[in-house]
PDB file of N, CA and C in Angstrom:
ATOM      1  N   MET A   1     -14.847   3.935 -73.510  1.00  0.00           N
ATOM      2  CA  MET A   1     -13.790   3.345 -71.832  1.00  0.00           C
ATOM      3  C   MET A   1     -15.333   1.904 -71.602  1.00  0.00           C
ATOM      4  N   LYS A   2     -15.133   0.800 -71.211  1.00  0.00           N
ATOM      5  CA  LYS A   2     -15.886  -0.227 -71.537  1.00  0.00           C
ATOM      6  C   LYS A   2     -16.757   0.029 -70.314  1.00  0.00           C
ATOM      7  N   ARG A   3     -17.601  -1.330 -70.097  1.00  0.00           N
ATOM      8  CA  ARG A   3     -19.038  -1.150 -69.530  1.00  0.00           C
ATOM      9  C   ARG A   3     -18.120  -1.419 -67.729  1.00  0.00           C
ATOM     10  N   GLU A   4     -17.689  -2.253 -68.391  1.00  0.00           N
ATOM     11  CA  GLU A   4     -16.754  -2.844 -66.681  1.00  0.00           C
ATOM     12  C   GLU A   4     -15.830  -2.078 -66.092  1.00  0.00           C
ATOM     13  N   GLN A   5     -15.270  -1.023 -66.744  1.00  0.00           N
ATOM     14  CA  GLN A   5     -14.071   0.140 -66.614  1.00  0.00           C
ATOM     15  C   GLN A   5     -15.445   1.351 -65.913  1.00  0.00           C
ATOM     16  N   MET A   6     -16.929   1.883 -66.407  1.00  0.00           N
ATOM     17  CA  MET A   6     -17.274   2.267 -66.190  1.00  0.00           C
ATOM     18  C   MET A   6     -18.281   1.864 -64.927  1.00  0.00           C
ATOM     19  N   GLU A   7     -18.434   0.727 -64.382  1.00  0.00           N
ATOM     20  CA  GLU A   7     -19.024   0.419 -63.742  1.00  0.00           C
ATOM     21  C   GLU A   7     -18.220  -0.039 -62.637  1.00  0.00           C
ATOM     22  N   ALA A   8     -16.422   0.020 -62.715  1.00  0.00           N
ATOM     23  CA  ALA A   8     -15.713   0.001 -61.553  1.00  0.00           C
ATOM     24  C   ALA A   8     -15.469   1.294 -60.994  1.00  0.00           C
ATOM     25  N   ILE A   9     -15.650   2.805 -61.864  1.00  0.00           N
ATOM     26  CA  ILE A   9     -15.769   3.775 -61.461  1.00  0.00           C
ATOM     27  C   ILE A   9     -16.957   4.129 -60.689  1.00  0.00           C
ATOM     28  N   ALA A  10     -18.130   4.137 -61.155  1.00  0.00           N
ATOM     29  CA  ALA A  10     -19.000   4.240 -60.382  1.00  0.00           C
ATOM     30  C   ALA A  10     -18.893   3.293 -59.514  1.00  0.00           C
ATOM     31  N   ALA A  11     -18.752   2.522 -59.130  1.00  0.00           N
ATOM     32  CA  ALA A  11     -19.045   1.515 -57.600  1.00  0.00           C
ATOM     33  C   ALA A  11     -18.332   2.238 -56.881  1.00  0.00           C
ATOM     34  N   ARG A  12     -16.739   2.537 -57.230  1.00  0.00           N
ATOM     35  CA  ARG A  12     -15.630   2.802 -55.946  1.00  0.00           C
ATOM     36  C   ARG A  12     -16.364   4.666 -56.040  1.00  0.00           C
ATOM     37  N   ALA A  13     -16.630   5.374 -56.785  1.00  0.00           N
ATOM     38  CA  ALA A  13     -17.043   6.475 -56.609  1.00  0.00           C
ATOM     39  C   ALA A  13     -18.109   6.484 -55.507  1.00  0.00           C
ATOM     40  N   ALA A  14     -19.248   5.635 -55.545  1.00  0.00           N
ATOM     41  CA  ALA A  14     -20.385   5.344 -54.841  1.00  0.00           C
ATOM     42  C   ALA A  14     -20.061   5.746 -53.329  1.00  0.00           C
ATOM     43  N   ARG A  15     -18.893   4.599 -53.120  1.00  0.00           N
ATOM     44  CA  ARG A  15     -18.597   3.958 -51.907  1.00  0.00           C
ATOM     45  C   ARG A  15     -18.076   4.959 -50.864  1.00  0.00           C
ATOM     46  N   MET A  16     -16.999   5.666 -52.739  1.00  0.00           N
ATOM     47  CA  MET A  16     -16.771   7.599 -51.457  1.00  0.00           C
ATOM     48  C   MET A  16     -18.151   8.058 -50.712  1.00  0.00           C
ATOM     49  N   ALA A  17     -18.547   8.685 -51.751  1.00  0.00           N
ATOM     50  CA  ALA A  17     -19.857   9.502 -51.120  1.00  0.00           C
ATOM     51  C   ALA A  17     -20.522   8.797 -49.996  1.00  0.00           C
ATOM     52  N   VAL A  18     -20.587   7.580 -49.765  1.00  0.00           N
ATOM     53  CA  VAL A  18     -21.468   6.961 -48.722  1.00  0.00           C
ATOM     54  C   VAL A  18     -20.257   7.560 -47.211  1.00  0.00           C
ATOM     55  N   ARG A  19     -18.905   7.357 -47.657  1.00  0.00           N
ATOM     56  CA  ARG A  19     -18.184   7.214 -46.259  1.00  0.00           C
ATOM     57  C   ARG A  19     -17.715   9.111 -46.060  1.00  0.00           C
ATOM     58  N   ASN A  20     -18.525   9.933 -47.137  1.00  0.00           N
ATOM     59  CA  ASN A  20     -18.001  11.616 -46.763  1.00  0.00           C
ATOM     60  C   ASN A  20     -19.359  12.175 -46.457  1.00  0.00           C
ATOM     61  N   PRO A  21     -19.173  12.033 -44.896  1.00  0.00           N
ATOM     62  CA  PRO A  21     -20.195  13.101 -44.781  1.00  0.00           C
ATOM     63  C   PRO A  21     -20.336  14.251 -45.356  1.00  0.00           C
ATOM     64  N   ASP A  22     -19.524  14.905 -46.274  1.00  0.00           N
ATOM     65  CA  ASP A  22     -20.358  16.242 -46.462  1.00  0.00           C
ATOM     66  C   ASP A  22     -20.931  15.958 -47.878  1.00  0.00           C
ATOM     67  N   ALA A  23     -20.556  14.719 -48.241  1.00  0.00           N
ATOM     68  CA  ALA A  23     -21.153  14.182 -49.334  1.00  0.00           C
ATOM     69  C   ALA A  23     -22.633  13.620 -49.845  1.00  0.00           C
ATOM     70  N   MET A  24     -22.701  13.047 -48.139  1.00  0.00           N
ATOM     71  CA  MET A  24     -23.455  12.006 -47.828  1.00  0.00           C
ATOM     72  C   MET A  24     -25.002  13.041 -47.951  1.00  0.00           C
ATOM     73  N   ASP A  25     -26.167  12.372 -48.781  1.00  0.00           N
ATOM     74  CA  ASP A  25     -27.483  12.577 -49.195  1.00  0.00           C
ATOM     75  C   ASP A  25     -28.006  11.764 -48.410  1.00  0.00           C
ATOM     76  N   GLU A  26     -29.596  12.026 -47.090  1.00  0.00           N
ATOM     77  CA  GLU A  26     -29.727  11.696 -46.607  1.00  0.00           C
ATOM     78  C   GLU A  26     -30.190  10.482 -47.520  1.00  0.00           C
ATOM     79  N   TYR A  27     -30.935  10.727 -48.700  1.00  0.00           N
ATOM     80  CA  TYR A  27     -32.035   9.852 -49.030  1.00  0.00           C
ATOM     81  C   TYR A  27     -31.303   9.603 -50.719  1.00  0.00           C
ATOM     82  N   MET A  28     -29.673   9.580 -50.598  1.00  0.00           N
ATOM     83  CA  MET A  28     -28.999   8.481 -51.341  1.00  0.00           C
ATOM     84  C   MET A  28     -28.223   7.114 -51.106  1.00  0.00           C
ATOM     85  N   THR A  29     -28.637   6.896 -50.936  1.00  0.00           N
ATOM     86  CA  THR A  29     -27.922   5.373 -50.986  1.00  0.00           C
ATOM     87  C   THR A  29     -26.759   4.995 -51.789  1.00  0.00           C
ATOM     88  N   GLU A  30     -25.806   4.036 -50.988  1.00  0.00           N
ATOM     89  CA  GLU A  30     -25.043   3.811 -52.014  1.00  0.00           C
ATOM     90  C   GLU A  30     -25.265   3.150 -53.665  1.00  0.00           C
ATOM     91  N   GLN A  31     -26.254   2.021 -53.840  1.00  0.00           N
ATOM     92  CA  GLN A  31     -26.892   1.932 -54.562  1.00  0.00           C
ATOM     93  C   GLN A  31     -27.178   3.223 -55.742  1.00  0.00           C
ATOM     94  N   ARG A  32     -28.017   4.607 -55.391  1.00  0.00           N
ATOM     95  CA  ARG A  32     -28.658   5.212 -55.554  1.00  0.00           C
ATOM     96  C   ARG A  32     -27.291   5.720 -55.998  1.00  0.00           C
ATOM     97  N   TYR A  33     -26.665   6.451 -55.415  1.00  0.00           N
ATOM     98  CA  TYR A  33     -25.190   6.868 -55.952  1.00  0.00           C
ATOM     99  C   TYR A  33     -24.654   6.052 -57.358  1.00  0.00           C
ATOM    100  N   TYR A  34     -24.013   4.677 -56.579  1.00  0.00           N
ATOM    101  CA  TYR A  34     -24.480   3.743 -58.146  1.00  0.00           C
ATOM    102  C   TYR A  34     -24.479   3.693 -59.233  1.00  0.00           C
ATOM    103  N   GLU A  35     -25.834   4.425 -59.420  1.00  0.00           N
ATOM    104  CA  GLU A  35     -26.989   4.579 -60.464  1.00  0.00           C
ATOM    105  C   GLU A  35     -26.501   5.469 -60.875  1.00  0.00           C
ATOM    106  N   GLU A  36     -26.256   6.884 -59.836  1.00  0.00           N
ATOM    107  CA  GLU A  36     -26.823   8.088 -60.904  1.00  0.00           C
ATOM    108  C   GLU A  36     -24.604   7.845 -61.750  1.00  0.00           C
ATOM    109  N   TYR A  37     -23.825   8.053 -60.753  1.00  0.00           N
ATOM    110  CA  TYR A  37     -22.729   7.801 -62.180  1.00  0.00           C
ATOM    111  C   TYR A  37     -21.956   6.743 -62.353  1.00  0.00           C
ATOM    112  N   LEU A  38     -23.142   5.690 -62.838  1.00  0.00           N
ATOM    113  CA  LEU A  38     -23.214   5.562 -64.254  1.00  0.00           C
ATOM    114  C   LEU A  38     -24.018   5.803 -65.008  1.00  0.00           C
ATOM    115  N   ASP A  39     -25.120   6.165 -64.921  1.00  0.00           N
ATOM    116  CA  ASP A  39     -25.552   7.013 -66.204  1.00  0.00           C
ATOM    117  C   ASP A  39     -24.837   8.156 -66.253  1.00  0.00           C
ATOM    118  N   GLN A  40     -24.052   8.949 -65.476  1.00  0.00           N
ATOM    119  CA  GLN A  40     -23.366   9.748 -66.172  1.00  0.00           C
ATOM    120  C   GLN A  40     -22.291   9.571 -67.090  1.00  0.00           C
ATOM    121  N   LEU A  41     -21.286   8.003 -66.713  1.00  0.00           N
ATOM    122  CA  LEU A  41     -20.553   8.301 -67.096  1.00  0.00           C
ATOM    123  C   LEU A  41     -20.830   7.690 -68.772  1.00  0.00           C
ATOM    124  N   ARG A  42     -22.239   6.577 -68.177  1.00  0.00           N
ATOM    125  CA  ARG A  42     -22.706   6.308 -69.438  1.00  0.00           C
ATOM    126  C   ARG A  42     -22.758   7.531 -70.947  1.00  0.00           C
ATOM    127  N   ALA A  43     -23.923   8.003 -70.235  1.00  0.00           N
ATOM    128  CA  ALA A  43     -24.632   9.125 -71.242  1.00  0.00           C
ATOM    129  C   ALA A  43     -22.950  10.302 -71.811  1.00  0.00           C
ATOM    130  N   GLY A  44     -22.182   9.841 -71.058  1.00  0.00           N
ATOM    131  CA  GLY A  44     -20.623  11.307 -71.483  1.00  0.00           C
ATOM    132  C   GLY A  44     -20.905  12.696 -70.479  1.00  0.00           C
ATOM    133  N   ASP A  45     -21.904  12.529 -69.792  1.00  0.00           N
ATOM    134  CA  ASP A  45     -22.373  13.986 -68.970  1.00  0.00           C
ATOM    135  C   ASP A  45     -21.561  13.547 -67.618  1.00  0.00           C
ATOM    136  N   THR A  46     -20.596  14.177 -67.336  1.00  0.00           N
ATOM    137  CA  THR A  46     -19.566  13.829 -65.909  1.00  0.00           C
ATOM    138  C   THR A  46     -19.466  14.664 -65.398  1.00  0.00           C
ATOM    139  N   LEU A  47     -19.707  15.738 -65.961  1.00  0.00           N
ATOM    140  CA  LEU A  47     -19.252  17.590 -65.639  1.00  0.00           C
ATOM    141  C   LEU A  47     -19.091  17.272 -63.951  1.00  0.00           C
ATOM    142  N   CYS A  48     -20.500  17.155 -63.227  1.00  0.00           N
ATOM    143  CA  CYS A  48     -20.778  16.723 -61.813  1.00  0.00           C
ATOM    144  C   CYS A  48     -19.597  16.724 -61.340  1.00  0.00           C
ATOM    145  N   LEU A  49     -19.929  14.644 -61.885  1.00  0.00           N
ATOM    146  CA  LEU A  49     -18.975  13.597 -61.302  1.00  0.00           C
ATOM    147  C   LEU A  49     -17.395  14.063 -61.647  1.00  0.00           C
ATOM    148  N   ARG A  50     -16.685  14.243 -62.037  1.00  0.00           N
ATOM    149  CA  ARG A  50     -15.691  15.385 -62.312  1.00  0.00           C
ATOM    150  C   ARG A  50     -14.675  16.676 -61.410  1.00  0.00           C
ATOM    151  N   SER A  51     -16.048  17.320 -61.456  1.00  0.00           N
ATOM    152  CA  SER A  51     -16.107  18.666 -60.560  1.00  0.00           C
ATOM    153  C   SER A  51     -15.937  18.088 -58.968  1.00  0.00           C
ATOM    154  N   TRP A  52     -16.706  16.658 -58.765  1.00  0.00           N
ATOM    155  CA  TRP A  52     -16.569  16.510 -56.947  1.00  0.00           C
ATOM    156  C   TRP A  52     -15.111  15.432 -57.006  1.00  0.00           C
ATOM    157  N   ILE A  53     -14.797  14.839 -57.925  1.00  0.00           N
ATOM    158  CA  ILE A  53     -13.589  14.255 -57.738  1.00  0.00           C
ATOM    159  C   ILE A  53     -12.504  15.379 -57.508  1.00  0.00           C
ATOM    160  N   GLY A  54     -12.699  16.113 -58.443  1.00  0.00           N
ATOM    161  CA  GLY A  54     -11.485  16.954 -58.813  1.00  0.00           C
ATOM    162  C   GLY A  54     -11.667  18.055 -57.059  1.00  0.00           C
ATOM    163  N   GLN A  55     -12.794  18.030 -56.316  1.00  0.00           N
ATOM    164  CA  GLN A  55     -12.564  18.684 -55.160  1.00  0.00           C
ATOM    165  C   GLN A  55     -12.206  17.684 -54.052  1.00  0.00           C
ATOM    166  N   GLU A  56     -12.445  16.598 -53.917  1.00  0.00           N
ATOM    167  CA  GLU A  56     -12.003  16.150 -53.420  1.00  0.00           C
ATOM    168  C   GLU A  56     -10.501  15.631 -53.297  1.00  0.00           C
ATOM    169  N   ILE A  57      -9.794  15.482 -54.655  1.00  0.00           N
ATOM    170  CA  ILE A  57      -8.592  15.538 -54.337  1.00  0.00           C
ATOM    171  C   ILE A  57      -8.180  16.947 -53.875  1.00  0.00           C
ATOM    172  N   GLU A  58      -8.326  18.076 -53.852  1.00  0.00           N
ATOM    173  CA  GLU A  58      -8.581  19.262 -53.684  1.00  0.00           C
ATOM    174  C   GLU A  58      -8.138  19.124 -52.207  1.00  0.00           C
ATOM    175  N   ALA A  59      -9.140  18.774 -51.473  1.00  0.00           N
ATOM    176  CA  ALA A  59      -8.891  18.683 -49.702  1.00  0.00           C
ATOM    177  C   ALA A  59      -8.173  17.463 -49.643  1.00  0.00           C
ATOM    178  N   GLY A  60      -7.732  16.826 -50.471  1.00  0.00           N
ATOM    179  CA  GLY A  60      -6.727  15.698 -49.974  1.00  0.00           C
ATOM    180  C   GLY A  60      -7.384  14.564 -49.764  1.00  0.00           C
ATOM    181  N   CYS A  61      -7.970  13.850 -50.477  1.00  0.00           N
ATOM    182  CA  CYS A  61      -8.605  12.170 -50.396  1.00  0.00           C
ATOM    183  C   CYS A  61      -7.504  11.749 -51.433  1.00  0.00           C
ATOM    184  N   ARG A  62      -7.103  10.687 -51.362  1.00  0.00           N
ATOM    185  CA  ARG A  62      -6.512   9.445 -51.424  1.00  0.00           C
ATOM    186  C   ARG A  62      -7.276   9.062 -52.783  1.00  0.00           C
ATOM    187  N   GLU A  63      -8.295   8.558 -52.064  1.00  0.00           N
ATOM    188  CA  GLU A  63      -9.528   7.919 -52.362  1.00  0.00           C
ATOM    189  C   GLU A  63     -10.107   8.784 -53.888  1.00  0.00           C
ATOM    190  N   ALA A  64     -10.371   9.294 -53.865  1.00  0.00           N
ATOM    191  CA  ALA A  64     -10.426  10.550 -55.009  1.00  0.00           C
ATOM    192  C   ALA A  64      -9.275  10.514 -56.163  1.00  0.00           C
ATOM    193  N   ALA A  65      -7.873  10.943 -55.326  1.00  0.00           N
ATOM    194  CA  ALA A  65      -6.848  10.410 -56.790  1.00  0.00           C
ATOM    195  C   ALA A  65      -6.742   8.811 -57.572  1.00  0.00           C
ATOM    196  N   GLU A  66      -7.745   8.064 -56.564  1.00  0.00           N
ATOM    197  CA  GLU A  66      -6.925   7.049 -57.347  1.00  0.00           C
ATOM    198  C   GLU A  66      -8.308   7.145 -58.246  1.00  0.00           C
ATOM    199  N   ILE A  67      -9.155   7.079 -58.542  1.00  0.00           N
ATOM    200  CA  ILE A  67     -10.565   6.239 -58.919  1.00  0.00           C
ATOM    201  C   ILE A  67     -10.592   8.281 -60.428  1.00  0.00           C
ATOM    202  N   LEU A  68      -9.831   8.840 -60.203  1.00  0.00           N
ATOM    203  CA  LEU A  68      -8.997  10.055 -61.218  1.00  0.00           C
ATOM    204  C   LEU A  68      -8.235   9.344 -62.181  1.00  0.00           C
ATOM    205  N   LYS A  69      -7.343   8.037 -61.357  1.00  0.00           N
ATOM    206  CA  LYS A  69      -6.411   7.831 -62.306  1.00  0.00           C
ATOM    207  C   LYS A  69      -7.249   6.774 -62.714  1.00  0.00           C
ATOM    208  N   MET A  70      -7.875   5.748 -62.287  1.00  0.00           N
ATOM    209  CA  MET A  70      -8.766   4.735 -62.973  1.00  0.00           C
ATOM    210  C   MET A  70      -9.534   5.400 -64.247  1.00  0.00           C
ATOM    211  N   TRP A  71     -10.065   6.476 -63.957  1.00  0.00           N
ATOM    212  CA  TRP A  71     -10.921   6.843 -65.434  1.00  0.00           C
ATOM    213  C   TRP A  71      -9.708   7.033 -66.011  1.00  0.00           C
ATOM    214  N   ILE A  72      -8.380   7.729 -65.871  1.00  0.00           N
ATOM    215  CA  ILE A  72      -7.469   8.484 -67.090  1.00  0.00           C
ATOM    216  C   ILE A  72      -7.207   7.183 -67.489  1.00  0.00           C
ATOM    217  N   ARG A  73      -6.792   5.953 -67.015  1.00  0.00           N
ATOM    218  CA  ARG A  73      -6.306   4.497 -67.909  1.00  0.00           C
ATOM    219  C   ARG A  73      -7.581   4.301 -68.795  1.00  0.00           C
ATOM    220  N   ALA A  74      -8.994   4.011 -67.954  1.00  0.00           N
ATOM    221  CA  ALA A  74      -9.724   3.814 -68.723  1.00  0.00           C
ATOM    222  C   ALA A  74      -9.784   4.342 -69.876  1.00  0.00           C
ATOM    223  N   GLU A  75      -9.577   5.790 -70.292  1.00  0.00           N
ATOM    224  CA  GLU A  75      -9.591   6.396 -71.673  1.00  0.00           C
ATOM    225  C   GLU A  75      -8.580   6.723 -72.272  1.00  0.00           C
ATOM    226  N   LEU A  76      -7.115   6.217 -71.493  1.00  0.00           N
ATOM    227  CA  LEU A  76      -6.695   5.874 -73.027  1.00  0.00           C
ATOM    228  C   LEU A  76      -6.542   5.357 -73.736  1.00  0.00           C
ATOM    229  N   PRO A  77      -6.197   5.650 -75.269  1.00  0.00           N
ATOM    230  CA  PRO A  77      -6.728   4.372 -75.957  1.00  0.00           C
ATOM    231  C   PRO A  77      -5.689   2.720 -75.612  1.00  0.00           C
ATOM    232  N   VAL A  78      -5.972   2.146 -76.005  1.00  0.00           N
ATOM    233  CA  VAL A  78      -5.574   0.388 -75.632  1.00  0.00           C
ATOM    234  C   VAL A  78      -4.698   0.284 -77.280  1.00  0.00           C
ATOM    235  N   ALA A  79      -3.357   0.030 -76.969  1.00  0.00           N
ATOM    236  CA  ALA A  79      -2.050   0.109 -77.882  1.00  0.00           C
ATOM    237  C   ALA A  79      -2.228  -0.948 -78.575  1.00  0.00           C
ATOM    238  N   ALA A  80      -1.931  -1.337 -80.283  1.00  0.00           N
ATOM    239  CA  ALA A  80      -2.682  -2.301 -80.949  1.00  0.00           C
ATOM    240  C   ALA A  80      -1.337  -2.704 -81.273  1.00  0.00           C
TER     241      ALA A  80
END
């Protein structure tokens, strides 16, 4: 996954997190969520992020479904 793709996914997930009262932590700002998600994507340790996005999809969040689609597209191999 390219850096730009990781940044776009992290940014969109961070925006979703600050808009979601159930996911909001009083100490977490959009920038902190962004940094946390970007760190997870860079490290390849995405279990927490993927689980949260999955829960949001189950709850009917269309934004989470769009983020997952971005993520899947980013991980698809590019045709030569």
